[in-house]
Each structure stands twice: as structure tokens, then as C-alpha cells.
Amino acid sequence: MHLPRSQPAHDLASGPPPELLDEIAAAWERAWEPLPGTLELCFVSEPVLGRAWGDLRMPGGERLTSIAASEAIAIACGDSIA
């Protein structure tokens, strides 16, 4: 009995597939758009600690709160946070 071969795996050496690059580019653009209610989402990183997070700020730059990087990414991607 001969089993069919699975789909060929993507060659990781050539980089991500084009559709993923398109999604990343779209999320990047959304990250720079104002949030509903005029809040701004800013990404912050501390390379020495190997950490990153998001800050929610007022339009004038006043920081309201920090959020986890995963939450900031979800907001930038247009996902709702429960």
C-alpha cells in the first residue's frame, strides 16, 4: 500500500510565505493608527532585560497603563481583548 505524501513544507531558509509578510505589514500599519477613543498604542522594549510591552497613552503622550506584549499585538492586529 502506498500512502500519499503530505504537502511539501515551506522552505524556512527562504523566509516567511508572502501571505504572512502581508499580514505583518498590515498589522504594522494598524499599530500606528489611533485607537478608538483617541488612545495611542506604543510599543516599548528593554533589550537588556529581553522584554517588550505596550503602553496605552493619551494623545499628548501621558501614559495610562502598560499592557502585555501579547495584548498590544492583539490590539495592533485588530483583535479584541476580553
C-alpha atoms as a PDB file:
ATOM      1  CA  MET A   1       0.000   0.000   0.000  1.00  0.00           C
ATOM      2  CA  HIS A   2       1.333   3.421  -0.979  1.00  0.00           C
ATOM      3  CA  LEU A   3       0.344   6.405   1.162  1.00  0.00           C
ATOM      4  CA  PRO A   4       0.146   9.837  -0.462  1.00  0.00           C
ATOM      5  CA  ARG A   5       2.817  12.327   0.514  1.00  0.00           C
ATOM      6  CA  SER A   6       1.830  15.262   2.643  1.00  0.00           C
ATOM      7  CA  GLN A   7       2.010  18.801   1.374  1.00  0.00           C
ATOM      8  CA  PRO A   8       5.594  19.969   0.901  1.00  0.00           C
ATOM      9  CA  ALA A   9       6.841  22.000   3.839  1.00  0.00           C
ATOM     10  CA  HIS A  10       7.670  25.655   3.279  1.00  0.00           C
ATOM     11  CA  ASP A  11      11.403  26.274   2.890  1.00  0.00           C
ATOM     12  CA  LEU A  12      12.143  28.247   6.061  1.00  0.00           C
ATOM     13  CA  ALA A  13      15.512  29.342   4.733  1.00  0.00           C
ATOM     14  CA  SER A  14      13.755  31.489   2.118  1.00  0.00           C
ATOM     15  CA  GLY A  15      11.784  33.388   4.783  1.00  0.00           C
ATOM     16  CA  PRO A  16       8.116  33.530   5.685  1.00  0.00           C
ATOM     17  CA  PRO A  17       5.492  32.960   2.992  1.00  0.00           C
ATOM     18  CA  PRO A  18       4.304  36.113   1.172  1.00  0.00           C
ATOM     19  CA  GLU A  19       0.817  36.000   2.714  1.00  0.00           C
ATOM     20  CA  LEU A  20       2.346  36.105   6.209  1.00  0.00           C
ATOM     21  CA  LEU A  21       4.522  39.069   5.238  1.00  0.00           C
ATOM     22  CA  ASP A  22       1.354  40.840   4.006  1.00  0.00           C
ATOM     23  CA  GLU A  23      -0.362  40.203   7.358  1.00  0.00           C
ATOM     24  CA  ILE A  24       2.674  41.509   9.254  1.00  0.00           C
ATOM     25  CA  ALA A  25       2.751  44.666   7.122  1.00  0.00           C
ATOM     26  CA  ALA A  26      -0.973  45.262   7.682  1.00  0.00           C
ATOM     27  CA  ALA A  27      -0.586  44.805  11.458  1.00  0.00           C
ATOM     28  CA  TRP A  28       2.334  47.247  11.462  1.00  0.00           C
ATOM     29  CA  GLU A  29       0.198  49.884   9.733  1.00  0.00           C
ATOM     30  CA  ARG A  30      -2.681  49.319  12.167  1.00  0.00           C
ATOM     31  CA  ALA A  31      -0.294  49.676  15.112  1.00  0.00           C
ATOM     32  CA  TRP A  32       0.343  53.293  14.128  1.00  0.00           C
ATOM     33  CA  GLU A  33      -3.350  54.194  13.789  1.00  0.00           C
ATOM     34  CA  PRO A  34      -5.059  55.874  16.755  1.00  0.00           C
ATOM     35  CA  LEU A  35      -7.143  53.542  18.889  1.00  0.00           C
ATOM     36  CA  PRO A  36     -10.863  54.163  19.204  1.00  0.00           C
ATOM     37  CA  GLY A  37     -11.431  56.737  21.907  1.00  0.00           C
ATOM     38  CA  THR A  38      -8.231  58.589  20.946  1.00  0.00           C
ATOM     39  CA  LEU A  39      -5.820  56.357  22.879  1.00  0.00           C
ATOM     40  CA  GLU A  40      -2.422  55.665  21.366  1.00  0.00           C
ATOM     41  CA  LEU A  41      -0.710  52.276  21.464  1.00  0.00           C
ATOM     42  CA  CYS A  42       3.057  52.445  21.845  1.00  0.00           C
ATOM     43  CA  PHE A  43       5.426  49.500  21.877  1.00  0.00           C
ATOM     44  CA  VAL A  44       8.239  49.626  24.420  1.00  0.00           C
ATOM     45  CA  SER A  45      11.215  47.302  24.752  1.00  0.00           C
ATOM     46  CA  GLU A  46      14.060  46.819  27.150  1.00  0.00           C
ATOM     47  CA  PRO A  47      16.722  44.847  25.244  1.00  0.00           C
ATOM     48  CA  VAL A  48      18.921  44.380  28.309  1.00  0.00           C
ATOM     49  CA  LEU A  49      16.076  42.546  30.034  1.00  0.00           C
ATOM     50  CA  GLY A  50      14.849  40.891  26.837  1.00  0.00           C
ATOM     51  CA  ARG A  51      11.348  42.270  27.475  1.00  0.00           C
ATOM     52  CA  ALA A  52       8.749  44.154  25.477  1.00  0.00           C
ATOM     53  CA  TRP A  53       5.302  45.526  26.319  1.00  0.00           C
ATOM     54  CA  GLY A  54       2.733  48.027  25.186  1.00  0.00           C
ATOM     55  CA  ASP A  55       1.796  51.366  26.690  1.00  0.00           C
ATOM     56  CA  LEU A  56      -1.640  52.907  26.269  1.00  0.00           C
ATOM     57  CA  ARG A  57      -1.246  56.698  26.149  1.00  0.00           C
ATOM     58  CA  MET A  58      -3.339  59.790  25.757  1.00  0.00           C
ATOM     59  CA  PRO A  59      -2.738  61.784  22.535  1.00  0.00           C
ATOM     60  CA  GLY A  60      -0.470  64.183  24.460  1.00  0.00           C
ATOM     61  CA  GLY A  61       1.782  61.312  25.496  1.00  0.00           C
ATOM     62  CA  GLU A  62       0.568  60.781  29.084  1.00  0.00           C
ATOM     63  CA  ARG A  63       0.899  57.047  29.878  1.00  0.00           C
ATOM     64  CA  LEU A  64      -2.293  55.497  31.200  1.00  0.00           C
ATOM     65  CA  THR A  65      -1.188  51.901  31.663  1.00  0.00           C
ATOM     66  CA  SER A  66       1.169  49.221  30.446  1.00  0.00           C
ATOM     67  CA  ILE A  67      -0.135  46.025  28.878  1.00  0.00           C
ATOM     68  CA  ALA A  68       1.444  42.698  27.988  1.00  0.00           C
ATOM     69  CA  ALA A  69       3.136  42.464  24.603  1.00  0.00           C
ATOM     70  CA  SER A  70       0.635  39.793  23.550  1.00  0.00           C
ATOM     71  CA  GLU A  71      -2.257  42.157  24.318  1.00  0.00           C
ATOM     72  CA  ALA A  72      -0.579  45.005  22.424  1.00  0.00           C
ATOM     73  CA  ILE A  73      -0.033  42.762  19.412  1.00  0.00           C
ATOM     74  CA  ALA A  74      -3.668  41.605  19.532  1.00  0.00           C
ATOM     75  CA  ILE A  75      -4.834  45.230  19.536  1.00  0.00           C
ATOM     76  CA  ALA A  76      -2.474  46.080  16.647  1.00  0.00           C
ATOM     77  CA  CYS A  77      -3.863  43.115  14.705  1.00  0.00           C
ATOM     78  CA  GLY A  78      -7.433  44.297  15.246  1.00  0.00           C
ATOM     79  CA  ASP A  79      -8.375  41.551  17.713  1.00  0.00           C
ATOM     80  CA  SER A  80     -10.486  42.391  20.734  1.00  0.00           C
ATOM     81  CA  ILE A  81      -9.182  41.844  24.228  1.00  0.00           C
ATOM     82  CA  ALA A  82     -11.580  40.093  26.608  1.00  0.00           C
END
